[in-house]
């Protein structure tokens, strides 16, 4: 029977708790749903499951007609964490924004940290925690620069048009965008009280072409409102 000292188990659990709490503290400080306690518990639980998987059934080794797979529990832990991470993701109805993706990803990585601790890979777990904090804290200041550069050429346009003219306008949209050398990347249509709201993402090389495109859209039959948002919808959280 393979055994491990109680002090070793407690060391692994203690390190898992500490590292999970560090990641959770960063999430907590930014007021996200899965914070200090959640991440600490995830890391601690994953570490214990890994210890059980590695040592809990070692007494069955050598038994007739008994097959022991120490990786099975660990694999189910990884699958189960997905359900927990899904609970951290939600959609804001008013802004078409999805929140919680980064927090869900953090929970997933914290599970890996806990499993590494449970397997005795303590230094590897510490290194992974440092990298996670670099991503969560350091890249927060880099990401806006990247997004700003990308967003400068992408505009989200919304048009409200009479239902009777919507089909004709949809056919004209691609032509109007092509005239201003703009590329349509996505289109959504929503109907309400005889009005159709058409939203699409428009990518342009020359931002000066956007005002001309808006003028063309406003002159189309049945159009009641044209709105543009250079920020558009955002995915993820910080």
Foldseek 3Di string as FASTA:
>chain_A
DDDDDPVLLVVLLVLLLVLQQVLQCLCVVVPADRHRVNSSVLLNVLLVQLLCLVPVCPVCPPPPPDDRDSCVSNVVSLVVLLVVQVVRWDADPVARAIERPLVSVSSNVSSVLSNCSSVVVSVVSVVSSVVSCCVSPVCVVVVVVVLVVVLVFKKKKKWKFFLVCVVVVVVCLVVLCVVLPKDWDDWDWDDDDRIIIIITMIGHPDPVSVVVSQVVVVPDPGIDDMDMDSNGYDYYDD
